């Protein structure tokens, strides 16, 4: 089953780093996932997230306000 991954952030360096880490983990581990970058502040606000970047996997908020390690992302996706 394909996972839906949303990365919430307006494009700051931390948001870009999180995007890179998530894409790398998905690619290296051949995970069936769709990655969507959400930069619209109004859409981000619907998640009730106060700090970005944030990682949402299958509509579950998992990480907020920091860039996760590759291992942490892999554990969340498995």
N, C-alpha and C. Protein backbone atom coordinates (compact mmCIF):
# COMPACT_ATOMS: atom_id res chain seq x y z
N UNK A 1 0.84 -1.18 0.00
CA UNK A 1 0.00 0.00 0.00
C UNK A 1 0.89 1.25 0.00
N UNK A 2 0.60 2.16 -0.88
CA UNK A 2 1.39 3.37 -1.02
C UNK A 2 1.14 4.33 0.15
N UNK A 3 2.22 4.85 0.68
CA UNK A 3 2.11 5.84 1.75
C UNK A 3 2.00 7.23 1.14
N UNK A 4 1.32 8.12 1.85
CA UNK A 4 1.23 9.51 1.44
C UNK A 4 2.01 10.33 2.46
N UNK A 5 3.08 10.95 1.99
CA UNK A 5 3.96 11.72 2.85
C UNK A 5 3.81 13.19 2.48
N UNK A 6 3.53 14.01 3.49
CA UNK A 6 3.45 15.46 3.27
C UNK A 6 4.52 16.12 4.11
N UNK A 7 5.26 17.02 3.47
CA UNK A 7 6.27 17.79 4.18
C UNK A 7 5.74 19.22 4.22
N UNK A 8 5.47 19.69 5.43
CA UNK A 8 4.88 21.02 5.60
C UNK A 8 5.99 22.01 5.91
N UNK A 9 6.05 23.08 5.13
CA UNK A 9 7.05 24.11 5.35
C UNK A 9 7.05 25.10 4.21
N UNK A 10 7.45 26.31 4.51
CA UNK A 10 7.38 27.39 3.51
C UNK A 10 8.60 27.47 2.61
N UNK A 11 9.57 26.59 2.79
CA UNK A 11 10.74 26.59 1.91
C UNK A 11 12.03 27.01 2.58
N UNK A 12 12.03 27.07 3.91
CA UNK A 12 13.23 27.45 4.65
C UNK A 12 14.30 26.36 4.51
N UNK A 13 15.54 26.63 4.89
CA UNK A 13 16.59 25.62 4.78
C UNK A 13 16.27 24.31 5.51
N UNK A 14 15.64 24.38 6.69
CA UNK A 14 15.28 23.15 7.41
C UNK A 14 14.23 22.36 6.63
N UNK A 15 13.29 23.07 6.02
CA UNK A 15 12.25 22.41 5.22
C UNK A 15 12.89 21.70 4.03
N UNK A 16 13.84 22.36 3.40
CA UNK A 16 14.53 21.76 2.26
C UNK A 16 15.35 20.55 2.69
N UNK A 17 15.96 20.63 3.87
CA UNK A 17 16.74 19.50 4.39
C UNK A 17 15.84 18.31 4.68
N UNK A 18 14.67 18.57 5.29
CA UNK A 18 13.74 17.47 5.58
C UNK A 18 13.28 16.82 4.28
N UNK A 19 12.98 17.61 3.28
CA UNK A 19 12.54 17.09 1.99
C UNK A 19 13.61 16.18 1.40
N UNK A 20 14.85 16.62 1.46
CA UNK A 20 15.97 15.83 0.92
C UNK A 20 16.12 14.51 1.66
N UNK A 21 16.03 14.55 2.99
CA UNK A 21 16.18 13.33 3.80
C UNK A 21 15.07 12.34 3.46
N UNK A 22 13.82 12.82 3.40
CA UNK A 22 12.69 11.94 3.13
C UNK A 22 12.81 11.33 1.74
N UNK A 23 13.14 12.15 0.73
CA UNK A 23 13.28 11.63 -0.63
C UNK A 23 14.39 10.59 -0.71
N UNK A 24 15.48 10.83 0.00
CA UNK A 24 16.61 9.91 0.00
C UNK A 24 16.22 8.56 0.62
N UNK A 25 15.51 8.59 1.75
CA UNK A 25 15.10 7.36 2.43
C UNK A 25 14.13 6.57 1.55
N UNK A 26 13.16 7.25 0.95
CA UNK A 26 12.18 6.58 0.08
C UNK A 26 12.88 5.93 -1.10
N UNK A 27 13.81 6.66 -1.71
CA UNK A 27 14.53 6.15 -2.88
C UNK A 27 15.45 4.98 -2.53
N UNK A 28 16.26 5.14 -1.49
CA UNK A 28 17.24 4.12 -1.12
C UNK A 28 16.59 2.82 -0.66
N UNK A 29 15.39 2.91 -0.08
CA UNK A 29 14.73 1.73 0.48
C UNK A 29 13.56 1.23 -0.37
N UNK A 30 13.42 1.82 -1.56
CA UNK A 30 12.37 1.40 -2.50
C UNK A 30 11.00 1.36 -1.83
N UNK A 31 10.67 2.43 -1.11
CA UNK A 31 9.39 2.52 -0.42
C UNK A 31 8.35 3.10 -1.38
N UNK A 32 7.19 2.45 -1.42
CA UNK A 32 6.10 2.91 -2.27
C UNK A 32 5.42 4.08 -1.57
N UNK A 33 5.73 5.28 -2.00
CA UNK A 33 5.20 6.48 -1.34
C UNK A 33 5.07 7.64 -2.31
N UNK A 34 4.11 8.48 -2.01
CA UNK A 34 3.94 9.73 -2.74
C UNK A 34 4.36 10.85 -1.80
N UNK A 35 5.28 11.69 -2.25
CA UNK A 35 5.77 12.80 -1.43
C UNK A 35 5.19 14.09 -1.96
N UNK A 36 4.55 14.83 -1.07
CA UNK A 36 3.96 16.12 -1.44
C UNK A 36 4.54 17.20 -0.55
N UNK A 37 5.07 18.24 -1.16
CA UNK A 37 5.59 19.39 -0.42
C UNK A 37 4.47 20.40 -0.28
N UNK A 38 4.08 20.72 0.94
CA UNK A 38 3.01 21.67 1.20
C UNK A 38 3.64 22.98 1.67
N UNK A 39 3.57 24.00 0.81
CA UNK A 39 4.18 25.30 1.13
C UNK A 39 3.15 26.39 1.38
N UNK A 40 1.90 26.13 1.04
CA UNK A 40 0.84 27.12 1.23
C UNK A 40 0.52 27.25 2.72
N UNK A 41 0.70 28.44 3.26
CA UNK A 41 0.53 28.66 4.70
C UNK A 41 -0.88 28.34 5.16
N UNK A 42 -1.87 28.60 4.33
CA UNK A 42 -3.26 28.30 4.71
C UNK A 42 -3.48 26.79 4.83
N UNK A 43 -2.87 26.03 3.93
CA UNK A 43 -3.00 24.57 4.01
C UNK A 43 -2.22 24.03 5.21
N UNK A 44 -1.06 24.61 5.50
CA UNK A 44 -0.26 24.18 6.66
C UNK A 44 -1.06 24.41 7.94
N UNK A 45 -1.78 25.53 7.99
CA UNK A 45 -2.55 25.87 9.19
C UNK A 45 -3.67 24.87 9.45
N UNK A 46 -4.16 24.19 8.43
CA UNK A 46 -5.21 23.19 8.65
C UNK A 46 -4.70 22.01 9.46
N UNK A 47 -3.40 21.83 9.53
CA UNK A 47 -2.82 20.75 10.33
C UNK A 47 -2.58 21.17 11.77
N UNK A 48 -2.83 22.44 12.08
CA UNK A 48 -2.63 22.96 13.43
C UNK A 48 -1.18 22.77 13.89
N UNK A 49 -0.25 23.03 12.97
CA UNK A 49 1.19 22.93 13.23
C UNK A 49 1.72 24.35 13.44
N UNK A 50 2.44 24.55 14.53
CA UNK A 50 2.95 25.88 14.83
C UNK A 50 4.42 26.05 14.43
N UNK A 51 5.14 24.93 14.28
CA UNK A 51 6.54 25.03 13.89
C UNK A 51 6.80 24.12 12.69
N UNK A 52 7.55 24.65 11.75
CA UNK A 52 7.91 23.87 10.58
C UNK A 52 9.42 23.64 10.60
N UNK A 53 9.91 22.66 9.91
CA UNK A 53 9.18 21.75 9.05
C UNK A 53 8.41 20.72 9.86
N UNK A 54 7.43 20.12 9.21
CA UNK A 54 6.66 19.05 9.84
C UNK A 54 6.50 17.92 8.84
N UNK A 55 6.46 16.72 9.36
CA UNK A 55 6.32 15.53 8.53
C UNK A 55 5.00 14.86 8.87
N UNK A 56 4.18 14.68 7.85
CA UNK A 56 2.88 14.02 8.03
C UNK A 56 2.88 12.77 7.15
N UNK A 57 2.64 11.63 7.78
CA UNK A 57 2.61 10.36 7.05
C UNK A 57 1.22 9.77 7.18
N UNK A 58 0.55 9.59 6.05
CA UNK A 58 -0.82 9.07 6.03
C UNK A 58 -1.72 9.85 6.99
N UNK A 59 -1.64 11.18 6.92
CA UNK A 59 -2.44 12.11 7.72
C UNK A 59 -2.16 12.05 9.22
N UNK A 60 -1.02 11.48 9.62
CA UNK A 60 -0.62 11.47 11.03
C UNK A 60 0.62 12.35 11.17
N UNK A 61 0.51 13.36 12.03
CA UNK A 61 1.66 14.25 12.28
C UNK A 61 2.71 13.47 13.06
N UNK A 62 3.92 13.40 12.52
CA UNK A 62 4.95 12.59 13.17
C UNK A 62 6.10 13.41 13.74
N UNK A 63 6.57 14.40 13.00
CA UNK A 63 7.72 15.19 13.44
C UNK A 63 7.41 16.66 13.19
N UNK A 64 7.74 17.50 14.16
CA UNK A 64 7.50 18.94 14.02
C UNK A 64 8.73 19.72 14.46
N UNK A 65 9.09 20.74 13.70
CA UNK A 65 10.09 21.71 14.13
C UNK A 65 11.55 21.31 14.05
N UNK A 66 11.83 20.17 13.42
CA UNK A 66 13.23 19.74 13.32
C UNK A 66 13.41 18.83 12.12
N UNK A 67 14.65 18.62 11.75
CA UNK A 67 14.97 17.73 10.64
C UNK A 67 15.32 16.36 11.22
N UNK A 68 14.59 15.31 10.81
CA UNK A 68 14.86 13.98 11.36
C UNK A 68 16.07 13.33 10.70
N UNK A 69 16.58 12.31 11.36
CA UNK A 69 17.66 11.52 10.76
C UNK A 69 17.06 10.57 9.74
N UNK A 70 17.89 10.04 8.86
CA UNK A 70 17.42 9.07 7.87
C UNK A 70 16.86 7.84 8.57
N UNK A 71 17.51 7.40 9.63
CA UNK A 71 17.05 6.22 10.37
C UNK A 71 15.67 6.45 10.98
N UNK A 72 15.46 7.64 11.52
CA UNK A 72 14.17 7.97 12.13
C UNK A 72 13.05 7.95 11.08
N UNK A 73 13.31 8.50 9.90
CA UNK A 73 12.31 8.50 8.84
C UNK A 73 12.03 7.07 8.40
N UNK A 74 13.06 6.25 8.26
CA UNK A 74 12.89 4.86 7.86
C UNK A 74 12.01 4.11 8.86
N UNK A 75 12.25 4.33 10.15
CA UNK A 75 11.44 3.66 11.19
C UNK A 75 9.99 4.10 11.11
N UNK A 76 9.74 5.38 10.84
CA UNK A 76 8.37 5.87 10.73
C UNK A 76 7.65 5.30 9.52
N UNK A 77 8.38 5.03 8.46
CA UNK A 77 7.76 4.53 7.24
C UNK A 77 7.57 3.02 7.23
N UNK A 78 8.22 2.33 8.15
CA UNK A 78 8.08 0.86 8.21
C UNK A 78 7.04 0.43 9.21
